[in-house]
Amino acid sequence: MNSIDELMKAVQDIASNDDFTFNYHQKEANEGAIWKNRYVSALTDVFSDLKLNIPSFEKGVAEDKSITHADVDNKLNDIYFTGDRFLCSHDPYQRQLGQKYKDVLLLYQQEMANFKQNALYQVKNLQCCLSAQRLFRPLTEEDCQIAEELITDNIKSCEMDIKRNLLNYLMFINLEHNKKKSRRNFSKDATYILTEYFNQNINKPYPDDNTKRLLAARCGLTQIQVTNWFGNKRIRDAKKAKIDKMDGNMNV
């Protein structure tokens, strides 16, 4: 147990191992091989000299993303509660959107749970790795702390990217859903109410914003949908008047 080859093999086993959280007996065997080897102090001196020649690592001031994190979390919570509310709506289009939200958020929760579990494993594995390498490397508590902070910062950054991508996807779903909703045919009641207003106000058939809001509430539509309806009505009437005029000229 005193040859340099045995020492280097034990060191190599530790350095090349990707999983330090298990195989307890192998860990003990490697530690024993290192501590009992007469060359361990010389190896430690070599690593100490190498460390002196490596520029000291200065951890930069991390960008403060606390507000951004809170903002994204709040938006996701708003969408989560909106989805629950839509699932109870009488509007089938809202129920459909609510179900889409629910399906996407459920998948996100499952993936995030797996991500956090894997992240926890990586942190624990790093801690075990550093503990094992302290047998022959001049690692201080500060060195270990810096290494752990680097990996935890990276994990937080990845988690934030996942949340941002989720938020962007949910906003895209909402946008596409609203496009489909705006293209659907209005109900008979909504069409009747808008047509009735148009005919009763033939001298001023295009309502102001306040009237549009009232009509939207009566019809169960958005103000934009009401505006678009009157705009399309204007176009249809203009085309009809042009056709009628052409027919009249042909009959002269």
C-alpha atoms as a PDB file:
ATOM      1  CA  MET A   1       0.000   0.000   0.000  1.00  0.00           C
ATOM      2  CA  ASN A   2       3.013   2.276  -0.212  1.00  0.00           C
ATOM      3  CA  SER A   3       3.763   2.454  -3.937  1.00  0.00           C
ATOM      4  CA  ILE A   4       3.274   5.623  -5.952  1.00  0.00           C
ATOM      5  CA  ASP A   5       1.199   3.627  -8.461  1.00  0.00           C
ATOM      6  CA  GLU A   6      -1.296   2.622  -5.779  1.00  0.00           C
ATOM      7  CA  LEU A   7      -1.565   6.212  -4.599  1.00  0.00           C
ATOM      8  CA  MET A   8      -2.152   7.550  -8.105  1.00  0.00           C
ATOM      9  CA  LYS A   9      -4.742   4.840  -8.780  1.00  0.00           C
ATOM     10  CA  ALA A  10      -6.689   5.847  -5.657  1.00  0.00           C
ATOM     11  CA  VAL A  11      -6.461   9.510  -6.649  1.00  0.00           C
ATOM     12  CA  GLN A  12      -7.554   8.698 -10.195  1.00  0.00           C
ATOM     13  CA  ASP A  13     -10.533   6.697  -8.913  1.00  0.00           C
ATOM     14  CA  ILE A  14     -11.683   9.716  -6.933  1.00  0.00           C
ATOM     15  CA  ALA A  15     -10.976  12.263  -9.667  1.00  0.00           C
ATOM     16  CA  SER A  16     -12.725  10.252 -12.405  1.00  0.00           C
ATOM     17  CA  ASN A  17     -15.766   9.249 -10.364  1.00  0.00           C
ATOM     18  CA  ASP A  18     -18.996  10.963 -11.463  1.00  0.00           C
ATOM     19  CA  ASP A  19     -21.036   9.737  -8.521  1.00  0.00           C
ATOM     20  CA  PHE A  20     -19.715  10.454  -5.029  1.00  0.00           C
ATOM     21  CA  THR A  21     -23.009   9.989  -3.204  1.00  0.00           C
ATOM     22  CA  PHE A  22     -22.936   6.188  -3.235  1.00  0.00           C
ATOM     23  CA  ASN A  23     -20.446   3.298  -3.133  1.00  0.00           C
ATOM     24  CA  TYR A  24     -19.482   3.925   0.476  1.00  0.00           C
ATOM     25  CA  HIS A  25     -17.120   0.930   0.697  1.00  0.00           C
ATOM     26  CA  GLN A  26     -15.164   2.029  -2.370  1.00  0.00           C
ATOM     27  CA  LYS A  27     -14.897   5.518  -0.869  1.00  0.00           C
ATOM     28  CA  GLU A  28     -13.456   4.088   2.352  1.00  0.00           C
ATOM     29  CA  ALA A  29     -11.006   1.939   0.403  1.00  0.00           C
ATOM     30  CA  ASN A  30      -9.730   4.927  -1.585  1.00  0.00           C
ATOM     31  CA  GLU A  31      -9.362   7.054   1.541  1.00  0.00           C
ATOM     32  CA  GLY A  32      -7.466   4.281   3.274  1.00  0.00           C
ATOM     33  CA  ALA A  33      -5.155   3.825   0.314  1.00  0.00           C
ATOM     34  CA  ILE A  34      -4.358   7.540   0.317  1.00  0.00           C
ATOM     35  CA  TRP A  35      -3.869   8.086   4.041  1.00  0.00           C
ATOM     36  CA  LYS A  36      -1.680   5.012   4.479  1.00  0.00           C
ATOM     37  CA  ASN A  37       0.527   5.779   1.497  1.00  0.00           C
ATOM     38  CA  ARG A  38       3.908   7.275   2.345  1.00  0.00           C
ATOM     39  CA  TYR A  39       3.843   9.503  -0.754  1.00  0.00           C
ATOM     40  CA  VAL A  40       0.643  11.331   0.169  1.00  0.00           C
ATOM     41  CA  SER A  41       2.457  14.290   1.758  1.00  0.00           C
ATOM     42  CA  ALA A  42       4.585  14.744  -1.362  1.00  0.00           C
ATOM     43  CA  LEU A  43       1.459  14.662  -3.544  1.00  0.00           C
ATOM     44  CA  THR A  44      -0.202  17.232  -1.313  1.00  0.00           C
ATOM     45  CA  ASP A  45       2.848  19.487  -1.666  1.00  0.00           C
ATOM     46  CA  VAL A  46       2.604  19.217  -5.461  1.00  0.00           C
ATOM     47  CA  PHE A  47      -1.041  20.259  -5.441  1.00  0.00           C
ATOM     48  CA  SER A  48      -0.219  23.106  -3.054  1.00  0.00           C
ATOM     49  CA  ASP A  49       2.446  24.414  -5.450  1.00  0.00           C
ATOM     50  CA  LEU A  50       0.012  24.153  -8.357  1.00  0.00           C
ATOM     51  CA  LYS A  51      -2.588  26.087  -6.408  1.00  0.00           C
ATOM     52  CA  LEU A  52      -0.116  28.907  -5.734  1.00  0.00           C
ATOM     53  CA  ASN A  53       0.434  29.289  -9.486  1.00  0.00           C
ATOM     54  CA  ILE A  54      -3.289  29.516 -10.237  1.00  0.00           C
ATOM     55  CA  PRO A  55      -4.706  33.073 -10.191  1.00  0.00           C
ATOM     56  CA  SER A  56      -7.017  33.616  -7.250  1.00  0.00           C
ATOM     57  CA  PHE A  57     -10.682  33.444  -8.112  1.00  0.00           C
ATOM     58  CA  GLU A  58     -12.681  36.530  -7.329  1.00  0.00           C
ATOM     59  CA  LYS A  59     -16.383  35.947  -7.366  1.00  0.00           C
ATOM     60  CA  GLY A  60     -18.090  38.791  -9.173  1.00  0.00           C
ATOM     61  CA  VAL A  61     -21.088  40.557  -7.776  1.00  0.00           C
ATOM     62  CA  ALA A  62     -24.084  38.610  -8.993  1.00  0.00           C
ATOM     63  CA  GLU A  63     -26.694  40.502 -10.919  1.00  0.00           C
ATOM     64  CA  ASP A  64     -29.686  41.282  -8.735  1.00  0.00           C
ATOM     65  CA  LYS A  65     -32.545  39.441 -10.369  1.00  0.00           C
ATOM     66  CA  SER A  66     -34.785  39.295  -7.307  1.00  0.00           C
ATOM     67  CA  ILE A  67     -37.287  41.719  -8.823  1.00  0.00           C
ATOM     68  CA  THR A  68     -37.312  39.810 -12.100  1.00  0.00           C
ATOM     69  CA  HIS A  69     -37.810  36.522 -10.261  1.00  0.00           C
ATOM     70  CA  ALA A  70     -40.692  37.977  -8.273  1.00  0.00           C
ATOM     71  CA  ASP A  71     -42.229  39.503 -11.389  1.00  0.00           C
ATOM     72  CA  VAL A  72     -42.146  36.225 -13.304  1.00  0.00           C
ATOM     73  CA  ASP A  73     -43.483  34.277 -10.315  1.00  0.00           C
ATOM     74  CA  ASN A  74     -46.356  36.742  -9.887  1.00  0.00           C
ATOM     75  CA  LYS A  75     -47.294  36.516 -13.572  1.00  0.00           C
ATOM     76  CA  LEU A  76     -47.248  32.724 -13.441  1.00  0.00           C
ATOM     77  CA  ASN A  77     -49.424  32.774 -10.314  1.00  0.00           C
ATOM     78  CA  ASP A  78     -51.871  35.117 -12.056  1.00  0.00           C
ATOM     79  CA  ILE A  79     -52.118  32.750 -15.020  1.00  0.00           C
ATOM     80  CA  TYR A  80     -52.533  29.793 -12.662  1.00  0.00           C
ATOM     81  CA  PHE A  81     -55.511  31.382 -10.891  1.00  0.00           C
ATOM     82  CA  THR A  82     -56.926  32.662 -14.192  1.00  0.00           C
ATOM     83  CA  GLY A  83     -56.847  29.107 -15.528  1.00  0.00           C
ATOM     84  CA  ASP A  84     -58.766  27.846 -12.485  1.00  0.00           C
ATOM     85  CA  ARG A  85     -61.360  30.580 -12.940  1.00  0.00           C
ATOM     86  CA  PHE A  86     -61.727  29.882 -16.658  1.00  0.00           C
ATOM     87  CA  LEU A  87     -62.354  26.190 -15.974  1.00  0.00           C
ATOM     88  CA  CYS A  88     -65.535  27.215 -14.133  1.00  0.00           C
ATOM     89  CA  SER A  89     -66.643  29.679 -16.829  1.00  0.00           C
ATOM     90  CA  HIS A  90     -69.864  29.312 -18.837  1.00  0.00           C
ATOM     91  CA  ASP A  91     -67.932  30.396 -21.924  1.00  0.00           C
ATOM     92  CA  PRO A  92     -66.650  27.263 -23.729  1.00  0.00           C
ATOM     93  CA  TYR A  93     -63.749  29.255 -25.181  1.00  0.00           C
ATOM     94  CA  GLN A  94     -62.607  30.286 -21.709  1.00  0.00           C
ATOM     95  CA  ARG A  95     -62.954  26.711 -20.449  1.00  0.00           C
ATOM     96  CA  GLN A  96     -60.840  25.534 -23.367  1.00  0.00           C
ATOM     97  CA  LEU A  97     -58.131  28.078 -22.571  1.00  0.00           C
ATOM     98  CA  GLY A  98     -58.297  27.193 -18.872  1.00  0.00           C
ATOM     99  CA  GLN A  99     -57.769  23.515 -19.704  1.00  0.00           C
ATOM    100  CA  LYS A 100     -54.749  24.376 -21.868  1.00  0.00           C
ATOM    101  CA  TYR A 101     -53.276  26.386 -18.995  1.00  0.00           C
ATOM    102  CA  LYS A 102     -53.893  23.512 -16.597  1.00  0.00           C
ATOM    103  CA  ASP A 103     -52.259  20.910 -18.877  1.00  0.00           C
ATOM    104  CA  VAL A 104     -49.166  23.053 -19.499  1.00  0.00           C
ATOM    105  CA  LEU A 105     -48.755  24.016 -15.835  1.00  0.00           C
ATOM    106  CA  LEU A 106     -49.148  20.394 -14.723  1.00  0.00           C
ATOM    107  CA  LEU A 107     -46.389  19.328 -17.107  1.00  0.00           C
ATOM    108  CA  TYR A 108     -44.244  22.246 -15.885  1.00  0.00           C
ATOM    109  CA  GLN A 109     -44.717  21.233 -12.236  1.00  0.00           C
ATOM    110  CA  GLN A 110     -43.645  17.676 -13.028  1.00  0.00           C
ATOM    111  CA  GLU A 111     -40.591  18.809 -14.976  1.00  0.00           C
ATOM    112  CA  MET A 112     -39.635  21.362 -12.323  1.00  0.00           C
ATOM    113  CA  ALA A 113     -39.891  18.715  -9.600  1.00  0.00           C
ATOM    114  CA  ASN A 114     -37.500  16.494 -11.586  1.00  0.00           C
ATOM    115  CA  PHE A 115     -35.191  19.462 -12.188  1.00  0.00           C
ATOM    116  CA  LYS A 116     -35.042  20.367  -8.487  1.00  0.00           C
ATOM    117  CA  GLN A 117     -34.433  16.757  -7.518  1.00  0.00           C
ATOM    118  CA  ASN A 118     -31.571  16.517  -9.998  1.00  0.00           C
ATOM    119  CA  ALA A 119     -30.194  19.892  -8.846  1.00  0.00           C
ATOM    120  CA  LEU A 120     -30.220  18.719  -5.225  1.00  0.00           C
ATOM    121  CA  TYR A 121     -28.366  15.588  -6.276  1.00  0.00           C
ATOM    122  CA  GLN A 122     -25.750  17.655  -8.130  1.00  0.00           C
ATOM    123  CA  VAL A 123     -25.125  19.864  -5.086  1.00  0.00           C
ATOM    124  CA  LYS A 124     -24.826  16.843  -2.802  1.00  0.00           C
ATOM    125  CA  ASN A 125     -22.534  15.127  -5.284  1.00  0.00           C
ATOM    126  CA  LEU A 126     -20.311  18.219  -5.444  1.00  0.00           C
ATOM    127  CA  GLN A 127     -20.072  18.329  -1.656  1.00  0.00           C
ATOM    128  CA  CYS A 128     -19.044  14.669  -1.541  1.00  0.00           C
ATOM    129  CA  CYS A 129     -16.571  15.237  -4.380  1.00  0.00           C
ATOM    130  CA  LEU A 130     -14.914  18.137  -2.591  1.00  0.00           C
ATOM    131  CA  SER A 131     -14.820  16.177   0.651  1.00  0.00           C
ATOM    132  CA  ALA A 132     -13.082  13.274  -1.099  1.00  0.00           C
ATOM    133  CA  GLN A 133     -10.589  15.490  -2.929  1.00  0.00           C
ATOM    134  CA  ARG A 134      -9.601  17.292   0.267  1.00  0.00           C
ATOM    135  CA  LEU A 135      -7.648  14.135   1.081  1.00  0.00           C
ATOM    136  CA  PHE A 136      -4.951  15.192  -1.365  1.00  0.00           C
ATOM    137  CA  ARG A 137      -5.869  18.711  -2.575  1.00  0.00           C
ATOM    138  CA  PRO A 138      -5.291  21.867  -0.481  1.00  0.00           C
ATOM    139  CA  LEU A 139      -8.969  22.865  -0.515  1.00  0.00           C
ATOM    140  CA  THR A 140     -10.074  25.403   2.078  1.00  0.00           C
ATOM    141  CA  GLU A 141     -13.593  26.012   3.343  1.00  0.00           C
ATOM    142  CA  GLU A 142     -13.679  29.132   1.174  1.00  0.00           C
ATOM    143  CA  ASP A 143     -12.736  27.098  -1.919  1.00  0.00           C
ATOM    144  CA  CYS A 144     -15.575  24.676  -1.239  1.00  0.00           C
ATOM    145  CA  GLN A 145     -18.017  27.502  -0.573  1.00  0.00           C
ATOM    146  CA  ILE A 146     -17.132  29.234  -3.854  1.00  0.00           C
ATOM    147  CA  ALA A 147     -17.590  25.972  -5.776  1.00  0.00           C
ATOM    148  CA  GLU A 148     -20.999  25.392  -4.180  1.00  0.00           C
ATOM    149  CA  GLU A 149     -22.087  28.971  -4.858  1.00  0.00           C
ATOM    150  CA  LEU A 150     -21.130  28.627  -8.517  1.00  0.00           C
ATOM    151  CA  ILE A 151     -23.246  25.532  -9.015  1.00  0.00           C
ATOM    152  CA  THR A 152     -26.208  26.887  -7.024  1.00  0.00           C
ATOM    153  CA  ASP A 153     -26.099  30.165  -8.984  1.00  0.00           C
ATOM    154  CA  ASN A 154     -26.105  28.171 -12.210  1.00  0.00           C
ATOM    155  CA  ILE A 155     -29.076  26.128 -10.986  1.00  0.00           C
ATOM    156  CA  LYS A 156     -31.004  29.291 -10.110  1.00  0.00           C
ATOM    157  CA  SER A 157     -30.231  30.745 -13.527  1.00  0.00           C
ATOM    158  CA  CYS A 158     -31.490  27.585 -15.255  1.00  0.00           C
ATOM    159  CA  GLU A 159     -34.632  27.623 -13.113  1.00  0.00           C
ATOM    160  CA  MET A 160     -35.271  31.223 -14.107  1.00  0.00           C
ATOM    161  CA  ASP A 161     -34.836  30.371 -17.793  1.00  0.00           C
ATOM    162  CA  ILE A 162     -37.373  27.560 -17.447  1.00  0.00           C
ATOM    163  CA  LYS A 163     -39.896  29.923 -15.845  1.00  0.00           C
ATOM    164  CA  ARG A 164     -39.381  32.587 -18.501  1.00  0.00           C
ATOM    165  CA  ASN A 165     -39.837  30.058 -21.295  1.00  0.00           C
ATOM    166  CA  LEU A 166     -42.995  28.800 -19.603  1.00  0.00           C
ATOM    167  CA  LEU A 167     -44.373  32.321 -19.277  1.00  0.00           C
ATOM    168  CA  ASN A 168     -43.620  33.089 -22.933  1.00  0.00           C
ATOM    169  CA  TYR A 169     -45.323  29.861 -24.004  1.00  0.00           C
ATOM    170  CA  LEU A 170     -48.431  30.578 -21.920  1.00  0.00           C
ATOM    171  CA  MET A 171     -48.619  34.086 -23.372  1.00  0.00           C
ATOM    172  CA  PHE A 172     -48.316  32.588 -26.870  1.00  0.00           C
ATOM    173  CA  ILE A 173     -51.163  30.159 -26.097  1.00  0.00           C
ATOM    174  CA  ASN A 174     -53.291  33.063 -24.907  1.00  0.00           C
ATOM    175  CA  LEU A 175     -52.499  35.092 -28.038  1.00  0.00           C
ATOM    176  CA  GLU A 176     -53.342  32.235 -30.410  1.00  0.00           C
ATOM    177  CA  HIS A 177     -56.510  31.451 -28.467  1.00  0.00           C
ATOM    178  CA  ASN A 178     -57.672  35.066 -28.669  1.00  0.00           C
ATOM    179  CA  LYS A 179     -57.030  35.077 -32.424  1.00  0.00           C
ATOM    180  CA  LYS A 180     -59.289  32.070 -32.844  1.00  0.00           C
ATOM    181  CA  LYS A 181     -61.865  33.600 -30.538  1.00  0.00           C
ATOM    182  CA  SER A 182     -61.904  36.870 -32.479  1.00  0.00           C
ATOM    183  CA  ARG A 183     -62.489  34.936 -35.717  1.00  0.00           C
ATOM    184  CA  ARG A 184     -65.479  32.967 -34.430  1.00  0.00           C
ATOM    185  CA  ASN A 185     -68.982  33.939 -35.501  1.00  0.00           C
ATOM    186  CA  PHE A 186     -70.911  36.056 -33.056  1.00  0.00           C
ATOM    187  CA  SER A 187     -73.998  34.607 -31.443  1.00  0.00           C
ATOM    188  CA  LYS A 188     -77.403  35.413 -32.934  1.00  0.00           C
ATOM    189  CA  ASP A 189     -78.226  37.594 -29.926  1.00  0.00           C
ATOM    190  CA  ALA A 190     -75.002  39.612 -30.276  1.00  0.00           C
ATOM    191  CA  THR A 191     -75.512  40.083 -34.018  1.00  0.00           C
ATOM    192  CA  TYR A 192     -79.124  41.150 -33.444  1.00  0.00           C
ATOM    193  CA  ILE A 193     -78.161  43.723 -30.784  1.00  0.00           C
ATOM    194  CA  LEU A 194     -75.426  45.271 -32.941  1.00  0.00           C
ATOM    195  CA  THR A 195     -77.562  45.294 -36.093  1.00  0.00           C
ATOM    196  CA  GLU A 196     -80.463  46.828 -34.185  1.00  0.00           C
ATOM    197  CA  TYR A 197     -78.256  49.627 -32.883  1.00  0.00           C
ATOM    198  CA  PHE A 198     -76.904  50.221 -36.379  1.00  0.00           C
ATOM    199  CA  ASN A 199     -80.378  50.462 -37.924  1.00  0.00           C
ATOM    200  CA  GLN A 200     -81.803  52.622 -35.131  1.00  0.00           C
ATOM    201  CA  ASN A 201     -78.901  55.060 -35.402  1.00  0.00           C
ATOM    202  CA  ILE A 202     -78.634  55.133 -39.169  1.00  0.00           C
ATOM    203  CA  ASN A 203     -77.650  58.811 -39.168  1.00  0.00           C
ATOM    204  CA  LYS A 204     -74.805  58.094 -36.741  1.00  0.00           C
ATOM    205  CA  PRO A 205     -74.344  54.325 -36.942  1.00  0.00           C
ATOM    206  CA  TYR A 206     -70.815  54.139 -35.573  1.00  0.00           C
ATOM    207  CA  PRO A 207     -70.828  54.420 -31.758  1.00  0.00           C
ATOM    208  CA  ASP A 208     -68.360  56.219 -29.530  1.00  0.00           C
ATOM    209  CA  ASP A 209     -66.113  54.353 -27.087  1.00  0.00           C
ATOM    210  CA  ASN A 210     -68.544  54.563 -24.179  1.00  0.00           C
ATOM    211  CA  THR A 211     -71.372  53.129 -26.285  1.00  0.00           C
ATOM    212  CA  LYS A 212     -69.053  50.395 -27.540  1.00  0.00           C
ATOM    213  CA  ARG A 213     -68.319  49.389 -23.961  1.00  0.00           C
ATOM    214  CA  LEU A 214     -72.040  49.174 -23.194  1.00  0.00           C
ATOM    215  CA  LEU A 215     -72.724  47.163 -26.338  1.00  0.00           C
ATOM    216  CA  ALA A 216     -69.787  44.853 -25.577  1.00  0.00           C
ATOM    217  CA  ALA A 217     -71.192  44.174 -22.102  1.00  0.00           C
ATOM    218  CA  ARG A 218     -74.661  43.397 -23.530  1.00  0.00           C
ATOM    219  CA  CYS A 219     -73.266  41.112 -26.225  1.00  0.00           C
ATOM    220  CA  GLY A 220     -70.669  39.337 -24.094  1.00  0.00           C
ATOM    221  CA  LEU A 221     -67.915  40.577 -26.402  1.00  0.00           C
ATOM    222  CA  THR A 222     -64.812  42.696 -26.046  1.00  0.00           C
ATOM    223  CA  GLN A 223     -64.785  46.335 -27.067  1.00  0.00           C
ATOM    224  CA  ILE A 224     -62.299  45.487 -29.831  1.00  0.00           C
ATOM    225  CA  GLN A 225     -64.706  42.889 -31.239  1.00  0.00           C
ATOM    226  CA  VAL A 226     -67.508  45.469 -31.263  1.00  0.00           C
ATOM    227  CA  THR A 227     -65.238  47.993 -32.993  1.00  0.00           C
ATOM    228  CA  ASN A 228     -64.274  45.404 -35.607  1.00  0.00           C
ATOM    229  CA  TRP A 229     -67.923  44.510 -36.207  1.00  0.00           C
ATOM    230  CA  PHE A 230     -68.864  48.119 -36.981  1.00  0.00           C
ATOM    231  CA  GLY A 231     -65.769  48.515 -39.145  1.00  0.00           C
ATOM    232  CA  ASN A 232     -66.683  45.409 -41.131  1.00  0.00           C
ATOM    233  CA  LYS A 233     -70.289  46.609 -41.311  1.00  0.00           C
ATOM    234  CA  ARG A 234     -69.077  49.863 -42.848  1.00  0.00           C
ATOM    235  CA  ILE A 235     -67.073  47.938 -45.457  1.00  0.00           C
ATOM    236  CA  ARG A 236     -69.982  45.625 -46.253  1.00  0.00           C
ATOM    237  CA  ASP A 237     -72.391  48.534 -46.656  1.00  0.00           C
ATOM    238  CA  ALA A 238     -69.949  50.412 -48.891  1.00  0.00           C
ATOM    239  CA  LYS A 239     -69.547  47.359 -51.125  1.00  0.00           C
ATOM    240  CA  LYS A 240     -73.318  46.841 -51.233  1.00  0.00           C
ATOM    241  CA  ALA A 241     -73.914  50.496 -52.149  1.00  0.00           C
ATOM    242  CA  LYS A 242     -71.331  50.233 -54.931  1.00  0.00           C
ATOM    243  CA  ILE A 243     -72.956  47.098 -56.335  1.00  0.00           C
ATOM    244  CA  ASP A 244     -76.434  48.661 -56.141  1.00  0.00           C
ATOM    245  CA  LYS A 245     -75.159  51.719 -57.999  1.00  0.00           C
ATOM    246  CA  MET A 246     -73.629  49.571 -60.733  1.00  0.00           C
ATOM    247  CA  ASP A 247     -76.858  47.596 -61.085  1.00  0.00           C
ATOM    248  CA  GLY A 248     -78.818  50.846 -61.314  1.00  0.00           C
ATOM    249  CA  ASN A 249     -76.577  52.197 -64.071  1.00  0.00           C
ATOM    250  CA  MET A 250     -76.945  48.982 -66.044  1.00  0.00           C
ATOM    251  CA  ASN A 251     -80.735  49.183 -65.848  1.00  0.00           C
ATOM    252  CA  VAL A 252     -80.871  52.749 -67.183  1.00  0.00           C
END
